[in-house]
Amino acid sequence: MKAMLEIREGNLSQALEIYNDILNNNELSDTLKSRVQDMISVLTEAQANS
């Protein structure tokens, strides 16, 4: 939720940091890891295009 709030506020780098922290959680399911990786890809592309 915090990452989504950061995105809403335009803080893409902060959102990326949060998502990367989440991705490093060893207890994360493969499904959730995939979703987090998708968000990281989208945010990385958005930063490159801004």
PDB file of N, CA and C in Angstrom:
ATOM      1  N   MET A   1       0.823  -1.188   0.000  1.00  0.00           N
ATOM      2  CA  MET A   1       0.000   0.000   0.000  1.00  0.00           C
ATOM      3  C   MET A   1       0.872   1.260   0.000  1.00  0.00           C
ATOM      4  N   LYS A   2       1.948   1.242   0.787  1.00  0.00           N
ATOM      5  CA  LYS A   2       2.805   2.424   0.859  1.00  0.00           C
ATOM      6  C   LYS A   2       3.428   2.720  -0.504  1.00  0.00           C
ATOM      7  N   ALA A   3       3.839   1.686  -1.213  1.00  0.00           N
ATOM      8  CA  ALA A   3       4.420   1.896  -2.543  1.00  0.00           C
ATOM      9  C   ALA A   3       3.396   2.532  -3.484  1.00  0.00           C
ATOM     10  N   MET A   4       2.170   2.102  -3.410  1.00  0.00           N
ATOM     11  CA  MET A   4       1.132   2.669  -4.259  1.00  0.00           C
ATOM     12  C   MET A   4       0.872   4.130  -3.901  1.00  0.00           C
ATOM     13  N   LEU A   5       0.926   4.462  -2.623  1.00  0.00           N
ATOM     14  CA  LEU A   5       0.778   5.854  -2.208  1.00  0.00           C
ATOM     15  C   LEU A   5       1.927   6.706  -2.742  1.00  0.00           C
ATOM     16  N   GLU A   6       3.132   6.151  -2.725  1.00  0.00           N
ATOM     17  CA  GLU A   6       4.286   6.872  -3.261  1.00  0.00           C
ATOM     18  C   GLU A   6       4.110   7.126  -4.756  1.00  0.00           C
ATOM     19  N   ILE A   7       3.592   6.152  -5.471  1.00  0.00           N
ATOM     20  CA  ILE A   7       3.333   6.316  -6.903  1.00  0.00           C
ATOM     21  C   ILE A   7       2.313   7.427  -7.115  1.00  0.00           C
ATOM     22  N   ARG A   8       1.266   7.411  -6.331  1.00  0.00           N
ATOM     23  CA  ARG A   8       0.223   8.424  -6.452  1.00  0.00           C
ATOM     24  C   ARG A   8       0.782   9.831  -6.226  1.00  0.00           C
ATOM     25  N   GLU A   9       1.753   9.931  -5.316  1.00  0.00           N
ATOM     26  CA  GLU A   9       2.376  11.220  -5.011  1.00  0.00           C
ATOM     27  C   GLU A   9       3.484  11.580  -6.003  1.00  0.00           C
ATOM     28  N   GLY A  10       3.791  10.664  -6.925  1.00  0.00           N
ATOM     29  CA  GLY A  10       4.809  10.927  -7.932  1.00  0.00           C
ATOM     30  C   GLY A  10       6.223  10.570  -7.494  1.00  0.00           C
ATOM     31  N   ASN A  11       6.349   9.861  -6.389  1.00  0.00           N
ATOM     32  CA  ASN A  11       7.656   9.466  -5.856  1.00  0.00           C
ATOM     33  C   ASN A  11       8.029   8.075  -6.366  1.00  0.00           C
ATOM     34  N   LEU A  12       8.354   7.998  -7.651  1.00  0.00           N
ATOM     35  CA  LEU A  12       8.617   6.699  -8.263  1.00  0.00           C
ATOM     36  C   LEU A  12       9.859   6.029  -7.694  1.00  0.00           C
ATOM     37  N   SER A  13      10.889   6.798  -7.403  1.00  0.00           N
ATOM     38  CA  SER A  13      12.108   6.189  -6.864  1.00  0.00           C
ATOM     39  C   SER A  13      11.857   5.595  -5.484  1.00  0.00           C
ATOM     40  N   GLN A  14      11.040   6.256  -4.678  1.00  0.00           N
ATOM     41  CA  GLN A  14      10.705   5.723  -3.357  1.00  0.00           C
ATOM     42  C   GLN A  14       9.867   4.454  -3.495  1.00  0.00           C
ATOM     43  N   ALA A  15       8.943   4.451  -4.436  1.00  0.00           N
ATOM     44  CA  ALA A  15       8.120   3.257  -4.684  1.00  0.00           C
ATOM     45  C   ALA A  15       8.995   2.096  -5.137  1.00  0.00           C
ATOM     46  N   LEU A  16       9.960   2.372  -6.011  1.00  0.00           N
ATOM     47  CA  LEU A  16      10.879   1.329  -6.458  1.00  0.00           C
ATOM     48  C   LEU A  16      11.664   0.748  -5.294  1.00  0.00           C
ATOM     49  N   GLU A  17      12.106   1.605  -4.402  1.00  0.00           N
ATOM     50  CA  GLU A  17      12.851   1.133  -3.233  1.00  0.00           C
ATOM     51  C   GLU A  17      11.988   0.216  -2.371  1.00  0.00           C
ATOM     52  N   ILE A  18      10.746   0.583  -2.183  1.00  0.00           N
ATOM     53  CA  ILE A  18       9.823  -0.242  -1.393  1.00  0.00           C
ATOM     54  C   ILE A  18       9.599  -1.585  -2.071  1.00  0.00           C
ATOM     55  N   TYR A  19       9.343  -1.565  -3.382  1.00  0.00           N
ATOM     56  CA  TYR A  19       9.121  -2.819  -4.101  1.00  0.00           C
ATOM     57  C   TYR A  19      10.364  -3.709  -4.085  1.00  0.00           C
ATOM     58  N   ASN A  20      11.540  -3.117  -4.195  1.00  0.00           N
ATOM     59  CA  ASN A  20      12.768  -3.913  -4.119  1.00  0.00           C
ATOM     60  C   ASN A  20      12.945  -4.530  -2.735  1.00  0.00           C
ATOM     61  N   ASP A  21      12.587  -3.797  -1.701  1.00  0.00           N
ATOM     62  CA  ASP A  21      12.633  -4.352  -0.341  1.00  0.00           C
ATOM     63  C   ASP A  21      11.672  -5.531  -0.206  1.00  0.00           C
ATOM     64  N   ILE A  22      10.490  -5.382  -0.765  1.00  0.00           N
ATOM     65  CA  ILE A  22       9.497  -6.466  -0.722  1.00  0.00           C
ATOM     66  C   ILE A  22      10.032  -7.689  -1.463  1.00  0.00           C
ATOM     67  N   LEU A  23      10.654  -7.454  -2.608  1.00  0.00           N
ATOM     68  CA  LEU A  23      11.165  -8.556  -3.430  1.00  0.00           C
ATOM     69  C   LEU A  23      12.239  -9.356  -2.703  1.00  0.00           C
ATOM     70  N   ASN A  24      12.954  -8.727  -1.804  1.00  0.00           N
ATOM     71  CA  ASN A  24      14.013  -9.408  -1.058  1.00  0.00           C
ATOM     72  C   ASN A  24      13.501 -10.245   0.110  1.00  0.00           C
ATOM     73  N   ASN A  25      12.199 -10.275   0.312  1.00  0.00           N
ATOM     74  CA  ASN A  25      11.599 -11.076   1.373  1.00  0.00           C
ATOM     75  C   ASN A  25      11.569 -12.541   0.932  1.00  0.00           C
ATOM     76  N   ASN A  26      12.289 -13.397   1.645  1.00  0.00           N
ATOM     77  CA  ASN A  26      12.382 -14.813   1.277  1.00  0.00           C
ATOM     78  C   ASN A  26      11.076 -15.573   1.451  1.00  0.00           C
ATOM     79  N   GLU A  27      10.142 -15.020   2.203  1.00  0.00           N
ATOM     80  CA  GLU A  27       8.869 -15.699   2.450  1.00  0.00           C
ATOM     81  C   GLU A  27       7.797 -15.338   1.425  1.00  0.00           C
ATOM     82  N   LEU A  28       8.144 -14.525   0.454  1.00  0.00           N
ATOM     83  CA  LEU A  28       7.205 -14.075  -0.558  1.00  0.00           C
ATOM     84  C   LEU A  28       6.870 -15.218  -1.514  1.00  0.00           C
ATOM     85  N   SER A  29       5.599 -15.381  -1.809  1.00  0.00           N
ATOM     86  CA  SER A  29       5.188 -16.430  -2.751  1.00  0.00           C
ATOM     87  C   SER A  29       5.665 -16.077  -4.157  1.00  0.00           C
ATOM     88  N   ASP A  30       5.787 -17.085  -4.991  1.00  0.00           N
ATOM     89  CA  ASP A  30       6.227 -16.867  -6.372  1.00  0.00           C
ATOM     90  C   ASP A  30       5.249 -15.969  -7.130  1.00  0.00           C
ATOM     91  N   THR A  31       3.969 -16.113  -6.845  1.00  0.00           N
ATOM     92  CA  THR A  31       2.959 -15.293  -7.507  1.00  0.00           C
ATOM     93  C   THR A  31       3.145 -13.828  -7.151  1.00  0.00           C
ATOM     94  N   LEU A  32       3.340 -13.549  -5.884  1.00  0.00           N
ATOM     95  CA  LEU A  32       3.532 -12.172  -5.450  1.00  0.00           C
ATOM     96  C   LEU A  32       4.861 -11.618  -5.956  1.00  0.00           C
ATOM     97  N   LYS A  33       5.899 -12.443  -5.984  1.00  0.00           N
ATOM     98  CA  LYS A  33       7.184 -12.015  -6.542  1.00  0.00           C
ATOM     99  C   LYS A  33       7.012 -11.571  -7.993  1.00  0.00           C
ATOM    100  N   SER A  34       6.255 -12.323  -8.743  1.00  0.00           N
ATOM    101  CA  SER A  34       6.013 -11.994 -10.143  1.00  0.00           C
ATOM    102  C   SER A  34       5.308 -10.644 -10.274  1.00  0.00           C
ATOM    103  N   ARG A  35       4.327 -10.402  -9.436  1.00  0.00           N
ATOM    104  CA  ARG A  35       3.600  -9.130  -9.472  1.00  0.00           C
ATOM    105  C   ARG A  35       4.499  -7.964  -9.086  1.00  0.00           C
ATOM    106  N   VAL A  36       5.328  -8.171  -8.087  1.00  0.00           N
ATOM    107  CA  VAL A  36       6.257  -7.126  -7.659  1.00  0.00           C
ATOM    108  C   VAL A  36       7.264  -6.833  -8.772  1.00  0.00           C
ATOM    109  N   GLN A  37       7.758  -7.867  -9.418  1.00  0.00           N
ATOM    110  CA  GLN A  37       8.697  -7.678 -10.532  1.00  0.00           C
ATOM    111  C   GLN A  37       8.035  -6.909 -11.677  1.00  0.00           C
ATOM    112  N   ASP A  38       6.763  -7.172 -11.918  1.00  0.00           N
ATOM    113  CA  ASP A  38       6.027  -6.427 -12.944  1.00  0.00           C
ATOM    114  C   ASP A  38       5.951  -4.946 -12.581  1.00  0.00           C
ATOM    115  N   MET A  39       5.664  -4.652 -11.323  1.00  0.00           N
ATOM    116  CA  MET A  39       5.588  -3.258 -10.878  1.00  0.00           C
ATOM    117  C   MET A  39       6.946  -2.578 -11.008  1.00  0.00           C
ATOM    118  N   ILE A  40       8.006  -3.287 -10.659  1.00  0.00           N
ATOM    119  CA  ILE A  40       9.357  -2.729 -10.789  1.00  0.00           C
ATOM    120  C   ILE A  40       9.653  -2.411 -12.248  1.00  0.00           C
ATOM    121  N   SER A  41       9.282  -3.289 -13.151  1.00  0.00           N
ATOM    122  CA  SER A  41       9.507  -3.057 -14.580  1.00  0.00           C
ATOM    123  C   SER A  41       8.732  -1.824 -15.071  1.00  0.00           C
ATOM    124  N   VAL A  42       7.484  -1.711 -14.665  1.00  0.00           N
ATOM    125  CA  VAL A  42       6.659  -0.579 -15.078  1.00  0.00           C
ATOM    126  C   VAL A  42       7.231   0.727 -14.532  1.00  0.00           C
ATOM    127  N   LEU A  43       7.622   0.730 -13.266  1.00  0.00           N
ATOM    128  CA  LEU A  43       8.164   1.949 -12.665  1.00  0.00           C
ATOM    129  C   LEU A  43       9.509   2.323 -13.281  1.00  0.00           C
ATOM    130  N   THR A  44      10.337   1.346 -13.569  1.00  0.00           N
ATOM    131  CA  THR A  44      11.617   1.618 -14.204  1.00  0.00           C
ATOM    132  C   THR A  44      11.414   2.243 -15.572  1.00  0.00           C
ATOM    133  N   GLU A  45      10.479   1.715 -16.329  1.00  0.00           N
ATOM    134  CA  GLU A  45      10.175   2.264 -17.652  1.00  0.00           C
ATOM    135  C   GLU A  45       9.597   3.682 -17.531  1.00  0.00           C
ATOM    136  N   ALA A  46       8.728   3.890 -16.556  1.00  0.00           N
ATOM    137  CA  ALA A  46       8.131   5.221 -16.354  1.00  0.00           C
ATOM    138  C   ALA A  46       9.206   6.247 -16.014  1.00  0.00           C
ATOM    139  N   GLN A  47      10.176   5.855 -15.202  1.00  0.00           N
ATOM    140  CA  GLN A  47      11.262   6.766 -14.854  1.00  0.00           C
ATOM    141  C   GLN A  47      12.118   7.090 -16.076  1.00  0.00           C
ATOM    142  N   ALA A  48      12.341   6.095 -16.912  1.00  0.00           N
ATOM    143  CA  ALA A  48      13.167   6.297 -18.102  1.00  0.00           C
ATOM    144  C   ALA A  48      12.468   7.234 -19.099  1.00  0.00           C
ATOM    145  N   ASN A  49      11.166   7.217 -19.101  1.00  0.00           N
ATOM    146  CA  ASN A  49      10.397   8.033 -20.055  1.00  0.00           C
ATOM    147  C   ASN A  49      10.051   9.417 -19.526  1.00  0.00           C
ATOM    148  N   SER A  50      10.433   9.698 -18.294  1.00  0.00           N
ATOM    149  CA  SER A  50      10.075  11.019 -17.740  1.00  0.00           C
ATOM    150  C   SER A  50      11.211  11.999 -17.836  1.00  0.00           C
TER     151      SER A  50
END
